[in-house]
């Protein structure tokens, strides 16, 4: 519910605020041109990501490597393209960050580490919810 409120209410308000602020500084035409350029970059990124992810995943499977990092990196590129496609300066900023491979690697390592710790916590708490009493005594 909290994510829903952020995405559908708070994010457009922030985007409109930055459109007005940056638009008054650089002008309306420049703002429109910048928005169109980032949208085209987003389309190109999504198109490139689709072709590239298939080729890279296939190569990593054939070379007996684990394709998880490649798949997650390509998924991050898809998110990057979608963020660039959405009009707005905030989403464009985060989309531009994801273009850089070093940022994607840092993000993926963080998410894998976070998912691993959440998985450990859920497994540990699963066994602490009950006490097994042996009825043979």
Protein backbone atom coordinates (compact mmCIF):
# COMPACT_ATOMS: atom_id res chain seq x y z
CA UNK A 1 0.00 0.00 0.00
CA UNK A 2 2.83 2.38 0.84
CA UNK A 3 4.50 1.73 -2.53
CA UNK A 4 1.20 2.37 -4.30
CA UNK A 5 0.87 5.77 -2.64
CA UNK A 6 4.46 6.64 -3.53
CA UNK A 7 4.26 5.60 -7.17
CA UNK A 8 0.84 6.92 -8.09
CA UNK A 9 0.54 10.02 -5.92
CA UNK A 10 3.87 11.25 -4.62
CA UNK A 11 6.04 10.57 -7.71
CA UNK A 12 3.88 12.58 -10.16
CA UNK A 13 3.79 15.49 -7.71
CA UNK A 14 7.59 15.45 -7.48
CA UNK A 15 7.90 15.16 -11.27
CA UNK A 16 5.56 18.13 -11.84
CA UNK A 17 7.49 20.18 -9.29
CA UNK A 18 10.79 19.53 -11.07
CA UNK A 19 9.22 20.15 -14.49
CA UNK A 20 8.16 23.60 -13.31
CA UNK A 21 11.44 24.40 -11.51
CA UNK A 22 13.78 23.20 -14.25
CA UNK A 23 11.48 24.42 -17.01
CA UNK A 24 11.63 27.98 -15.68
CA UNK A 25 15.45 27.79 -15.61
CA UNK A 26 16.14 26.25 -19.03
CA UNK A 27 12.95 27.20 -20.88
CA UNK A 28 9.93 25.33 -22.14
CA UNK A 29 11.41 24.29 -25.50
CA UNK A 30 14.57 22.94 -23.88
CA UNK A 31 12.48 21.00 -21.35
CA UNK A 32 10.40 19.43 -24.11
CA UNK A 33 13.49 18.56 -26.17
CA UNK A 34 15.21 17.03 -23.14
CA UNK A 35 12.10 14.97 -22.36
CA UNK A 36 11.89 13.70 -25.94
CA UNK A 37 15.60 12.85 -26.06
CA UNK A 38 15.43 10.84 -22.83
CA UNK A 39 12.29 9.06 -24.07
CA UNK A 40 14.12 8.07 -27.27
CA UNK A 41 17.08 6.93 -25.18
CA UNK A 42 14.66 4.85 -23.11
CA UNK A 43 13.19 3.23 -26.22
CA UNK A 44 16.68 2.48 -27.54
CA UNK A 45 17.74 1.02 -24.19
CA UNK A 46 14.69 -1.27 -24.03
CA UNK A 47 15.27 -2.39 -27.62
CA UNK A 48 18.98 -3.01 -27.03
CA UNK A 49 18.29 -4.75 -23.74
CA UNK A 50 15.96 -7.26 -25.36
CA UNK A 51 18.50 -8.35 -27.96
CA UNK A 52 21.50 -8.14 -25.65
CA UNK A 53 19.94 -10.05 -22.76
CA UNK A 54 19.05 -12.99 -24.98
CA UNK A 55 22.57 -13.20 -26.42
CA UNK A 56 24.34 -12.80 -23.06
CA UNK A 57 22.12 -15.29 -21.23
CA UNK A 58 22.63 -17.84 -24.00
CA UNK A 59 26.40 -17.36 -23.91
CA UNK A 60 26.57 -17.74 -20.14
CA UNK A 61 24.46 -20.91 -20.26
CA UNK A 62 26.66 -22.44 -22.96
CA UNK A 63 29.84 -21.54 -21.06
CA UNK A 64 28.45 -23.24 -17.90
CA UNK A 65 28.38 -19.97 -15.96
CA UNK A 66 25.55 -18.91 -13.72
CA UNK A 67 23.39 -16.53 -15.77
CA UNK A 68 21.71 -14.92 -12.73
CA UNK A 69 23.94 -11.82 -12.66
CA UNK A 70 23.51 -11.28 -16.40
CA UNK A 71 19.76 -11.70 -16.16
CA UNK A 72 19.52 -9.26 -13.24
CA UNK A 73 21.76 -6.77 -15.03
CA UNK A 74 19.57 -6.95 -18.11
CA UNK A 75 16.46 -6.59 -15.97
CA UNK A 76 18.03 -3.44 -14.47
CA UNK A 77 18.57 -2.18 -18.03
CA UNK A 78 14.89 -2.79 -18.75
CA UNK A 79 13.97 -0.77 -15.65
CA UNK A 80 16.44 1.89 -16.83
CA UNK A 81 14.68 2.10 -20.20
CA UNK A 82 11.26 2.32 -18.56
CA UNK A 83 12.43 5.08 -16.21
CA UNK A 84 13.84 7.03 -19.16
CA UNK A 85 10.63 6.53 -21.10
CA UNK A 86 8.50 8.04 -18.33
CA UNK A 87 8.50 11.83 -18.71
CA UNK A 88 10.12 13.58 -15.77
CA UNK A 89 13.47 14.64 -14.42
CA UNK A 90 13.50 12.44 -11.30
CA UNK A 91 12.81 9.21 -13.20
CA UNK A 92 15.30 10.28 -15.87
CA UNK A 93 17.96 10.79 -13.19
CA UNK A 94 17.50 7.29 -11.80
CA UNK A 95 17.29 5.87 -15.32
CA UNK A 96 20.58 7.54 -16.25
CA UNK A 97 22.20 6.10 -13.13
CA UNK A 98 21.20 2.58 -14.17
CA UNK A 99 22.83 2.99 -17.58
CA UNK A 100 26.27 2.77 -15.97
CA UNK A 101 27.41 -0.85 -15.43
CA UNK A 102 29.16 -0.07 -12.13
CA UNK A 103 25.94 1.29 -10.63
CA UNK A 104 24.02 -1.77 -11.84
CA UNK A 105 26.61 -4.12 -10.31
CA UNK A 106 26.51 -2.31 -6.97
CA UNK A 107 22.71 -2.37 -6.96
CA UNK A 108 22.54 -6.05 -7.90
CA UNK A 109 25.08 -7.05 -5.23
CA UNK A 110 23.13 -5.06 -2.65
CA UNK A 111 19.83 -6.67 -3.66
CA UNK A 112 21.33 -10.17 -3.63
CA UNK A 113 22.84 -9.54 -0.20
CA UNK A 114 19.53 -8.14 1.08
CA UNK A 115 17.54 -11.06 -0.36
CA UNK A 116 19.97 -13.54 1.19
CA UNK A 117 19.66 -11.98 4.63
CA UNK A 118 15.87 -11.85 4.36
CA UNK A 119 15.83 -15.50 3.35
CA UNK A 120 18.00 -16.46 6.34
CA UNK A 121 15.78 -14.49 8.71
CA UNK A 122 12.63 -16.10 7.36
CA UNK A 123 14.13 -19.58 7.63
CA UNK A 124 15.33 -18.98 11.18
CA UNK A 125 12.00 -17.55 12.30
CA UNK A 126 10.15 -20.43 10.70
CA UNK A 127 11.77 -22.85 13.10
CA UNK A 128 11.22 -20.66 16.16
CA UNK A 129 7.46 -20.44 15.80
CA UNK A 130 6.72 -23.76 17.48
CA UNK A 131 8.16 -26.24 19.92
CA UNK A 132 8.32 -29.83 18.80
CA UNK A 133 7.32 -32.13 21.62
CA UNK A 134 8.22 -35.74 21.21
CA UNK A 135 5.30 -37.92 22.30
CA UNK A 136 7.39 -41.10 22.72
CA UNK A 137 8.43 -40.25 26.31
